[in-house]
Amino acid sequence: MITFLDPRGEPSRPTEPYANRAALEPGETIGLFANGFPDSVAFLDHIEKALADLLPGVSFARYDKGNASALASEPMLDSIAATCSAVVGAYGH
């Protein structure tokens, strides 16, 4: 006989909705930040397409650390802070 077990645990706390959000207007820029892991850039390709459909008029700026073990450079972080209203960070694997 085979017994199947559901690996999901029971939550110990009630679910809380995520309250932080960026109220973006046309003309604003979303930064898409790849962390250097494999497929993080490819994942952001899909994120950009989905967000572009939901937020017409918003533009995108792409950033890629290129090395998952390295810190983002100060010039890259300065560029992100100066040009982006919101940022999506992506892990790959």
N, C-alpha and C. Protein backbone atom coordinates (compact mmCIF):
# COMPACT_ATOMS: atom_id res chain seq x y z
N MET A 1 0.85 -1.17 0.00
CA MET A 1 0.00 0.00 0.00
C MET A 1 0.90 1.24 0.00
N ILE A 2 0.52 2.25 -0.80
CA ILE A 2 1.25 3.52 -0.87
C ILE A 2 0.45 4.58 -0.16
N THR A 3 1.11 5.31 0.70
CA THR A 3 0.48 6.43 1.39
C THR A 3 1.12 7.72 0.91
N PHE A 4 0.32 8.67 0.46
CA PHE A 4 0.82 9.97 0.04
C PHE A 4 0.61 10.97 1.16
N LEU A 5 1.69 11.70 1.47
CA LEU A 5 1.63 12.71 2.51
C LEU A 5 1.75 14.10 1.89
N ASP A 6 0.96 15.02 2.36
CA ASP A 6 1.03 16.40 1.90
C ASP A 6 2.17 17.08 2.67
N PRO A 7 3.23 17.54 1.97
CA PRO A 7 4.38 18.11 2.67
C PRO A 7 4.16 19.52 3.19
N ARG A 8 3.05 20.13 2.84
CA ARG A 8 2.81 21.50 3.30
C ARG A 8 2.39 21.49 4.77
N GLY A 9 3.03 22.34 5.54
CA GLY A 9 2.68 22.46 6.95
C GLY A 9 1.50 23.39 7.14
N GLU A 10 0.96 23.36 8.31
CA GLU A 10 -0.11 24.28 8.67
C GLU A 10 0.50 25.60 9.10
N PRO A 11 0.01 26.73 8.61
CA PRO A 11 0.57 28.02 9.02
C PRO A 11 0.40 28.23 10.53
N SER A 12 1.43 28.79 11.14
CA SER A 12 1.35 29.05 12.57
C SER A 12 0.80 30.45 12.86
N ARG A 13 0.74 31.29 11.84
CA ARG A 13 0.22 32.65 12.00
C ARG A 13 -0.75 32.93 10.87
N PRO A 14 -1.66 33.87 11.08
CA PRO A 14 -2.57 34.23 9.98
C PRO A 14 -1.79 34.89 8.84
N THR A 15 -2.29 34.72 7.63
CA THR A 15 -1.68 35.35 6.47
C THR A 15 -1.90 36.85 6.54
N GLU A 16 -0.82 37.60 6.29
CA GLU A 16 -0.92 39.06 6.27
C GLU A 16 -0.66 39.54 4.85
N PRO A 17 -1.55 40.36 4.32
CA PRO A 17 -1.31 40.87 2.97
C PRO A 17 -0.07 41.76 2.95
N TYR A 18 0.65 41.71 1.84
CA TYR A 18 1.84 42.54 1.67
C TYR A 18 1.38 43.96 1.40
N ALA A 19 1.75 44.89 2.26
CA ALA A 19 1.22 46.25 2.19
C ALA A 19 2.10 47.20 1.37
N ASN A 20 3.37 46.87 1.18
CA ASN A 20 4.25 47.78 0.44
C ASN A 20 4.01 47.64 -1.05
N ARG A 21 3.84 48.77 -1.71
CA ARG A 21 3.67 48.75 -3.15
C ARG A 21 4.06 50.11 -3.70
N ALA A 22 4.44 50.11 -4.94
CA ALA A 22 4.77 51.36 -5.62
C ALA A 22 3.59 51.74 -6.51
N ALA A 23 3.04 52.91 -6.29
CA ALA A 23 1.96 53.41 -7.14
C ALA A 23 2.63 54.10 -8.33
N LEU A 24 2.78 53.36 -9.41
CA LEU A 24 3.54 53.86 -10.56
C LEU A 24 2.63 54.52 -11.58
N GLU A 25 3.15 55.59 -12.16
CA GLU A 25 2.44 56.35 -13.18
C GLU A 25 3.18 56.17 -14.51
N PRO A 26 2.48 56.36 -15.64
CA PRO A 26 3.18 56.33 -16.92
C PRO A 26 4.37 57.28 -16.91
N GLY A 27 5.46 56.86 -17.51
CA GLY A 27 6.67 57.67 -17.54
C GLY A 27 7.68 57.30 -16.47
N GLU A 28 7.24 56.56 -15.45
CA GLU A 28 8.17 56.14 -14.41
C GLU A 28 8.92 54.88 -14.86
N THR A 29 10.00 54.58 -14.16
CA THR A 29 10.88 53.48 -14.53
C THR A 29 10.94 52.44 -13.44
N ILE A 30 10.84 51.18 -13.85
CA ILE A 30 11.03 50.05 -12.95
C ILE A 30 12.39 49.43 -13.26
N GLY A 31 13.22 49.29 -12.25
CA GLY A 31 14.50 48.61 -12.41
C GLY A 31 14.30 47.11 -12.28
N LEU A 32 14.94 46.37 -13.15
CA LEU A 32 14.92 44.91 -13.11
C LEU A 32 16.34 44.46 -12.82
N PHE A 33 16.57 43.95 -11.61
CA PHE A 33 17.91 43.68 -11.11
C PHE A 33 18.17 42.18 -11.01
N ALA A 34 19.01 41.67 -11.90
CA ALA A 34 19.38 40.25 -11.89
C ALA A 34 20.56 40.07 -10.96
N ASN A 35 20.52 39.04 -10.14
CA ASN A 35 21.55 38.87 -9.12
C ASN A 35 22.76 38.06 -9.58
N GLY A 36 22.77 37.61 -10.82
CA GLY A 36 23.92 36.88 -11.32
C GLY A 36 23.78 35.37 -11.29
N PHE A 37 22.75 34.85 -10.68
CA PHE A 37 22.53 33.40 -10.72
C PHE A 37 22.00 33.02 -12.11
N PRO A 38 22.24 31.78 -12.53
CA PRO A 38 21.72 31.35 -13.82
C PRO A 38 20.21 31.55 -13.91
N ASP A 39 19.78 32.02 -15.03
CA ASP A 39 18.36 32.24 -15.37
C ASP A 39 17.72 33.44 -14.69
N SER A 40 18.47 34.22 -13.90
CA SER A 40 17.84 35.40 -13.30
C SER A 40 17.48 36.42 -14.37
N VAL A 41 18.30 36.54 -15.42
CA VAL A 41 17.99 37.46 -16.52
C VAL A 41 16.77 36.95 -17.29
N ALA A 42 16.74 35.66 -17.58
CA ALA A 42 15.61 35.08 -18.31
C ALA A 42 14.31 35.24 -17.52
N PHE A 43 14.38 35.08 -16.20
CA PHE A 43 13.20 35.26 -15.36
C PHE A 43 12.70 36.70 -15.46
N LEU A 44 13.63 37.66 -15.44
CA LEU A 44 13.24 39.07 -15.54
C LEU A 44 12.66 39.42 -16.91
N ASP A 45 13.04 38.68 -17.95
CA ASP A 45 12.40 38.88 -19.26
C ASP A 45 10.90 38.65 -19.14
N HIS A 46 10.52 37.60 -18.42
CA HIS A 46 9.09 37.29 -18.23
C HIS A 46 8.41 38.32 -17.32
N ILE A 47 9.12 38.75 -16.28
CA ILE A 47 8.57 39.77 -15.38
C ILE A 47 8.31 41.07 -16.14
N GLU A 48 9.28 41.47 -16.97
CA GLU A 48 9.12 42.71 -17.74
C GLU A 48 7.90 42.64 -18.64
N LYS A 49 7.73 41.52 -19.33
CA LYS A 49 6.58 41.38 -20.22
C LYS A 49 5.27 41.47 -19.45
N ALA A 50 5.19 40.78 -18.32
CA ALA A 50 3.96 40.81 -17.52
C ALA A 50 3.68 42.21 -16.98
N LEU A 51 4.71 42.88 -16.47
CA LEU A 51 4.51 44.23 -15.93
C LEU A 51 4.17 45.23 -17.03
N ALA A 52 4.78 45.08 -18.19
CA ALA A 52 4.49 45.99 -19.30
C ALA A 52 3.02 45.89 -19.71
N ASP A 53 2.47 44.69 -19.66
CA ASP A 53 1.05 44.51 -19.97
C ASP A 53 0.16 45.16 -18.92
N LEU A 54 0.57 45.10 -17.66
CA LEU A 54 -0.23 45.65 -16.56
C LEU A 54 -0.06 47.15 -16.36
N LEU A 55 1.11 47.68 -16.76
CA LEU A 55 1.45 49.08 -16.49
C LEU A 55 1.87 49.79 -17.77
N PRO A 56 0.92 50.07 -18.66
CA PRO A 56 1.30 50.73 -19.91
C PRO A 56 1.93 52.10 -19.62
N GLY A 57 2.97 52.41 -20.38
CA GLY A 57 3.63 53.71 -20.23
C GLY A 57 4.78 53.70 -19.25
N VAL A 58 4.94 52.62 -18.51
CA VAL A 58 6.07 52.50 -17.58
C VAL A 58 7.24 51.92 -18.36
N SER A 59 8.45 52.45 -18.11
CA SER A 59 9.63 51.92 -18.80
C SER A 59 10.44 51.05 -17.85
N PHE A 60 11.42 50.37 -18.40
CA PHE A 60 12.22 49.43 -17.63
C PHE A 60 13.70 49.69 -17.84
N ALA A 61 14.47 49.53 -16.80
CA ALA A 61 15.93 49.61 -16.87
C ALA A 61 16.47 48.29 -16.35
N ARG A 62 17.37 47.69 -17.10
CA ARG A 62 17.89 46.37 -16.72
C ARG A 62 19.26 46.51 -16.06
N TYR A 63 19.45 45.76 -15.00
CA TYR A 63 20.72 45.72 -14.27
C TYR A 63 21.06 44.26 -14.01
N ASP A 64 22.35 43.94 -14.08
CA ASP A 64 22.79 42.56 -13.87
C ASP A 64 24.13 42.60 -13.15
N LYS A 65 24.17 42.09 -11.93
CA LYS A 65 25.43 42.01 -11.19
C LYS A 65 26.44 41.14 -11.92
N GLY A 66 25.96 40.12 -12.61
CA GLY A 66 26.83 39.24 -13.37
C GLY A 66 27.51 38.16 -12.54
N ASN A 67 27.60 38.35 -11.24
CA ASN A 67 28.27 37.39 -10.37
C ASN A 67 27.48 37.33 -9.07
N ALA A 68 26.89 36.19 -8.81
CA ALA A 68 26.02 36.07 -7.64
C ALA A 68 26.75 36.27 -6.32
N SER A 69 28.05 36.03 -6.29
CA SER A 69 28.79 36.16 -5.03
C SER A 69 29.34 37.57 -4.80
N ALA A 70 29.20 38.44 -5.78
CA ALA A 70 29.72 39.81 -5.64
C ALA A 70 28.62 40.77 -5.19
N LEU A 71 29.03 41.82 -4.52
CA LEU A 71 28.09 42.88 -4.17
C LEU A 71 27.82 43.75 -5.39
N ALA A 72 26.66 44.37 -5.43
CA ALA A 72 26.39 45.34 -6.49
C ALA A 72 27.32 46.53 -6.29
N SER A 73 27.83 47.08 -7.37
CA SER A 73 28.76 48.20 -7.28
C SER A 73 28.03 49.47 -6.85
N GLU A 74 28.75 50.37 -6.23
CA GLU A 74 28.17 51.65 -5.83
C GLU A 74 27.64 52.43 -7.04
N PRO A 75 28.38 52.48 -8.18
CA PRO A 75 27.82 53.18 -9.34
C PRO A 75 26.50 52.56 -9.82
N MET A 76 26.39 51.22 -9.78
CA MET A 76 25.16 50.57 -10.20
C MET A 76 24.02 50.94 -9.24
N LEU A 77 24.28 50.88 -7.95
CA LEU A 77 23.25 51.23 -6.97
C LEU A 77 22.86 52.70 -7.09
N ASP A 78 23.83 53.57 -7.34
CA ASP A 78 23.52 55.00 -7.54
C ASP A 78 22.64 55.21 -8.77
N SER A 79 22.94 54.48 -9.84
CA SER A 79 22.13 54.58 -11.06
C SER A 79 20.70 54.12 -10.81
N ILE A 80 20.57 53.00 -10.10
CA ILE A 80 19.24 52.49 -9.79
C ILE A 80 18.45 53.50 -8.96
N ALA A 81 19.09 54.03 -7.92
CA ALA A 81 18.41 54.99 -7.05
C ALA A 81 18.02 56.27 -7.78
N ALA A 82 18.87 56.69 -8.72
CA ALA A 82 18.61 57.95 -9.43
C ALA A 82 17.56 57.82 -10.52
N THR A 83 17.37 56.63 -11.08
CA THR A 83 16.50 56.52 -12.26
C THR A 83 15.25 55.66 -12.06
N CYS A 84 15.16 54.91 -11.00
CA CYS A 84 14.05 53.96 -10.85
C CYS A 84 13.10 54.35 -9.72
N SER A 85 11.82 54.21 -9.98
CA SER A 85 10.80 54.43 -8.96
C SER A 85 10.54 53.17 -8.15
N ALA A 86 10.87 52.02 -8.72
CA ALA A 86 10.69 50.72 -8.06
C ALA A 86 11.71 49.76 -8.67
N VAL A 87 12.04 48.70 -7.93
CA VAL A 87 13.00 47.72 -8.41
C VAL A 87 12.48 46.31 -8.10
N VAL A 88 12.64 45.42 -9.08
CA VAL A 88 12.35 44.00 -8.89
C VAL A 88 13.69 43.29 -8.88
N GLY A 89 14.00 42.62 -7.78
CA GLY A 89 15.23 41.84 -7.69
C GLY A 89 14.92 40.39 -8.00
N ALA A 90 15.79 39.72 -8.77
CA ALA A 90 15.51 38.36 -9.20
C ALA A 90 16.61 37.40 -8.84
N TYR A 91 16.23 36.30 -8.26
CA TYR A 91 17.11 35.15 -8.07
C TYR A 91 16.96 34.27 -9.30
N GLY A 92 17.98 33.53 -9.61
CA GLY A 92 17.88 32.53 -10.66
C GLY A 92 18.15 31.16 -10.09
N HIS A 93 18.27 30.17 -10.89
CA HIS A 93 18.71 28.81 -10.59
C HIS A 93 18.13 27.90 -11.61
